[in-house]
Amino acid sequence: MFGTLLKKRVSDDKLANVFINGLFNSIDNGFPIVAEFINEDPAFVKSPNLRGHNNYEFSLIVIVGNLSFLESSFEPDQAEKVERLIFNKLAVAYDMELHAFKSLIKDYQTFMTRLNSPSKNWIYAMSKAIFDKYTLYNYQDEYFKRMQAPNPLFLKRMDEVIENFVWDWEAFFKKYKFD
């Protein structure tokens, strides 16, 4: 009972800042671990030798995946306001014009949806997008390499890793409420 009375109030702007900073922090600290995980995964006959600092594609995939979850966590009008703030702030962070950044995100959304079709599971879409953007096909055994398809065992393991990069809205709402 007292938990709901003691929740901190947060504005849309503050929410956007916390969300972006949290994502960037998890990407910056987590991608070296993800790269090591991929490099050592038994699905690959040869290590892809991903570098822990090469997180550009990964960061965009994580952002797109998290934006897809944003819409299901808020009322439509609230989601639209927060998303607009997030886009504005991310465009500045990526040193891009807003329309160019929105276009980049839309391209990634389309790419991930196409890769993941007919599934609607965004965790799976994120794993498949990482596989494709880092061209991991070439490091698999001949069977999967020839098919140009990710090893499903790798994708299952990658899904478990990717879940750590999805914003926990439920935990956030337990601690904060909106102005």
Protein backbone atom coordinates (compact mmCIF):
# COMPACT_ATOMS: atom_id res chain seq x y z
CA MET A 1 0.00 0.00 0.00
CA PHE A 2 2.70 2.51 0.94
CA GLY A 3 4.70 1.53 -2.16
CA THR A 4 2.26 3.34 -4.43
CA LEU A 5 2.31 6.42 -2.19
CA LEU A 6 6.11 6.57 -2.21
CA LYS A 7 6.61 6.31 -5.96
CA LYS A 8 8.75 9.04 -7.46
CA ARG A 9 7.09 11.30 -9.98
CA VAL A 10 8.76 11.47 -13.36
CA SER A 11 8.06 13.67 -16.37
CA ASP A 12 8.02 12.43 -19.95
CA ASP A 13 11.31 14.20 -20.55
CA LYS A 14 12.94 12.57 -17.54
CA LEU A 15 11.58 9.18 -18.62
CA ALA A 16 13.11 9.62 -22.09
CA ASN A 17 16.48 10.54 -20.52
CA VAL A 18 16.44 7.59 -18.13
CA PHE A 19 15.43 5.21 -20.93
CA ILE A 20 18.14 6.41 -23.33
CA ASN A 21 20.87 6.55 -20.69
CA GLY A 22 19.89 3.09 -19.45
CA LEU A 23 20.01 1.64 -22.97
CA PHE A 24 23.35 3.26 -23.80
CA ASN A 25 24.81 2.09 -20.50
CA SER A 26 23.69 -1.50 -21.10
CA ILE A 27 24.94 -1.41 -24.71
CA ASP A 28 28.33 0.07 -23.83
CA ASN A 29 28.90 -2.30 -20.93
CA GLY A 30 27.17 -5.31 -22.44
CA PHE A 31 28.35 -5.47 -26.03
CA PRO A 32 31.90 -6.59 -25.19
CA ILE A 33 30.33 -9.54 -23.36
CA VAL A 34 27.98 -10.23 -26.28
CA ALA A 35 30.91 -10.11 -28.72
CA GLU A 36 32.84 -12.58 -26.57
CA PHE A 37 29.77 -14.82 -26.34
CA ILE A 38 29.40 -14.83 -30.12
CA ASN A 39 33.12 -15.37 -30.72
CA GLU A 40 33.13 -18.43 -28.46
CA ASP A 41 29.78 -19.95 -29.43
CA PRO A 42 30.06 -23.59 -30.54
CA ALA A 43 27.73 -22.96 -33.51
CA PHE A 44 30.65 -21.37 -35.33
CA VAL A 45 33.40 -23.46 -36.87
CA LYS A 46 35.55 -20.34 -37.05
CA SER A 47 35.37 -17.43 -34.60
CA PRO A 48 33.76 -14.30 -36.06
CA ASN A 49 36.29 -12.23 -34.06
CA LEU A 50 33.81 -9.47 -33.25
CA ARG A 51 35.40 -6.56 -31.44
CA GLY A 52 33.82 -5.32 -28.22
CA HIS A 53 33.83 -1.71 -29.40
CA ASN A 54 32.05 -2.42 -32.73
CA ASN A 55 28.56 -1.89 -31.29
CA TYR A 56 26.94 0.46 -33.84
CA GLU A 57 24.68 -2.18 -35.43
CA PHE A 58 23.99 -3.76 -32.05
CA SER A 59 22.94 -0.43 -30.54
CA LEU A 60 20.46 0.28 -33.34
CA ILE A 61 19.00 -3.23 -33.04
CA VAL A 62 18.58 -2.81 -29.28
CA ILE A 63 17.00 0.63 -29.73
CA VAL A 64 14.52 -0.62 -32.36
CA GLY A 65 13.61 -3.65 -30.27
CA ASN A 66 13.03 -1.53 -27.18
CA LEU A 67 10.98 1.01 -29.09
CA SER A 68 8.69 -1.83 -30.18
CA PHE A 69 8.12 -2.75 -26.52
CA LEU A 70 7.53 0.90 -25.59
CA GLU A 71 4.28 1.01 -27.53
CA SER A 72 2.82 -1.92 -25.62
CA SER A 73 3.82 -0.48 -22.22
CA PHE A 74 1.98 2.86 -22.43
CA GLU A 75 -1.34 4.31 -23.41
CA PRO A 76 -1.16 5.36 -27.10
CA ASP A 77 -1.01 9.13 -26.46
CA GLN A 78 1.62 8.73 -23.71
CA ALA A 79 3.67 6.38 -25.92
CA GLU A 80 3.57 8.91 -28.75
CA LYS A 81 4.82 11.76 -26.51
CA VAL A 82 7.59 9.69 -24.98
CA GLU A 83 8.62 8.24 -28.34
CA ARG A 84 8.81 11.73 -29.87
CA LEU A 85 11.15 12.83 -27.05
CA ILE A 86 13.25 9.69 -27.42
CA PHE A 87 13.61 10.23 -31.17
CA ASN A 88 14.63 13.86 -30.68
CA LYS A 89 17.24 12.96 -28.07
CA LEU A 90 18.59 9.98 -30.01
CA ALA A 91 18.92 12.04 -33.19
CA VAL A 92 21.13 14.46 -31.25
CA ALA A 93 23.12 11.57 -29.71
CA TYR A 94 23.72 10.08 -33.18
CA ASP A 95 24.47 13.53 -34.59
CA MET A 96 21.75 13.22 -37.23
CA GLU A 97 18.85 15.31 -38.42
CA LEU A 98 15.60 14.07 -36.86
CA HIS A 99 14.06 12.97 -40.18
CA ALA A 100 17.23 11.07 -41.13
CA PHE A 101 17.32 9.33 -37.76
CA LYS A 102 13.62 8.40 -38.01
CA SER A 103 14.29 7.02 -41.48
CA LEU A 104 17.21 4.95 -40.16
CA ILE A 105 15.04 3.50 -37.38
CA LYS A 106 12.21 2.79 -39.83
CA ASP A 107 14.66 0.99 -42.13
CA TYR A 108 15.83 -1.16 -39.20
CA GLN A 109 12.24 -1.88 -38.16
CA THR A 110 11.38 -2.96 -41.70
CA PHE A 111 14.56 -5.04 -41.93
CA MET A 112 13.90 -6.77 -38.60
CA THR A 113 10.24 -7.40 -39.40
CA ARG A 114 11.17 -8.91 -42.77
CA LEU A 115 13.91 -11.09 -41.25
CA ASN A 116 11.56 -12.27 -38.53
CA SER A 117 8.44 -12.89 -40.61
CA PRO A 118 5.99 -14.45 -39.83
CA SER A 119 6.96 -14.31 -36.14
CA LYS A 120 6.03 -11.25 -34.08
CA ASN A 121 8.59 -12.02 -31.35
CA TRP A 122 10.90 -8.98 -31.11
CA ILE A 123 13.52 -10.80 -29.02
CA TYR A 124 13.89 -13.31 -31.86
CA ALA A 125 13.94 -10.45 -34.38
CA MET A 126 16.78 -8.80 -32.47
CA SER A 127 18.80 -12.04 -32.41
CA LYS A 128 18.28 -12.63 -36.12
CA ALA A 129 19.19 -9.02 -36.93
CA ILE A 130 22.45 -9.32 -34.99
CA PHE A 131 23.22 -12.50 -36.90
CA ASP A 132 22.59 -10.77 -40.21
CA LYS A 133 24.19 -7.37 -39.53
CA TYR A 134 27.40 -8.99 -38.27
CA THR A 135 27.34 -11.46 -41.23
CA LEU A 136 27.70 -14.48 -38.97
CA TYR A 137 26.49 -16.81 -41.74
CA ASN A 138 30.04 -17.19 -42.99
CA TYR A 139 31.35 -18.66 -39.73
CA GLN A 140 28.91 -21.57 -39.45
CA ASP A 141 29.26 -25.14 -40.61
CA GLU A 142 28.71 -25.78 -44.34
CA TYR A 143 25.05 -26.81 -43.98
CA PHE A 144 23.84 -23.54 -42.40
CA LYS A 145 26.36 -21.46 -44.35
CA ARG A 146 25.02 -22.82 -47.65
CA MET A 147 21.42 -22.22 -46.54
CA GLN A 148 22.30 -18.67 -45.41
CA ALA A 149 20.28 -19.38 -42.27
CA PRO A 150 21.29 -19.01 -38.63
CA ASN A 151 21.82 -22.15 -36.60
CA PRO A 152 18.62 -22.36 -34.46
CA LEU A 153 20.63 -23.46 -31.42
CA PHE A 154 22.69 -20.29 -31.64
CA LEU A 155 19.54 -18.17 -31.98
CA LYS A 156 18.05 -19.78 -28.88
CA ARG A 157 21.19 -18.94 -26.89
CA MET A 158 21.27 -15.44 -28.38
CA ASP A 159 17.63 -14.85 -27.39
CA GLU A 160 18.60 -15.49 -23.76
CA VAL A 161 21.41 -12.94 -24.04
CA ILE A 162 19.23 -10.35 -25.79
CA GLU A 163 16.58 -10.50 -23.07
CA ASN A 164 19.11 -8.69 -20.87
CA PHE A 165 18.94 -5.69 -23.20
CA VAL A 166 15.17 -5.22 -23.06
CA TRP A 167 13.98 -2.41 -20.81
CA ASP A 168 12.02 -3.71 -17.80
CA TRP A 169 8.97 -1.44 -17.84
CA GLU A 170 7.25 -3.40 -15.10
CA ALA A 171 10.10 -2.72 -12.66
CA PHE A 172 10.18 0.93 -13.75
CA PHE A 173 6.45 1.41 -13.11
CA LYS A 174 6.80 -0.10 -9.64
CA LYS A 175 9.23 2.67 -8.75
CA TYR A 176 7.94 5.67 -10.74
CA LYS A 177 4.69 7.34 -11.74
CA PHE A 178 4.08 10.04 -14.33
CA ASP A 179 3.30 13.71 -13.73
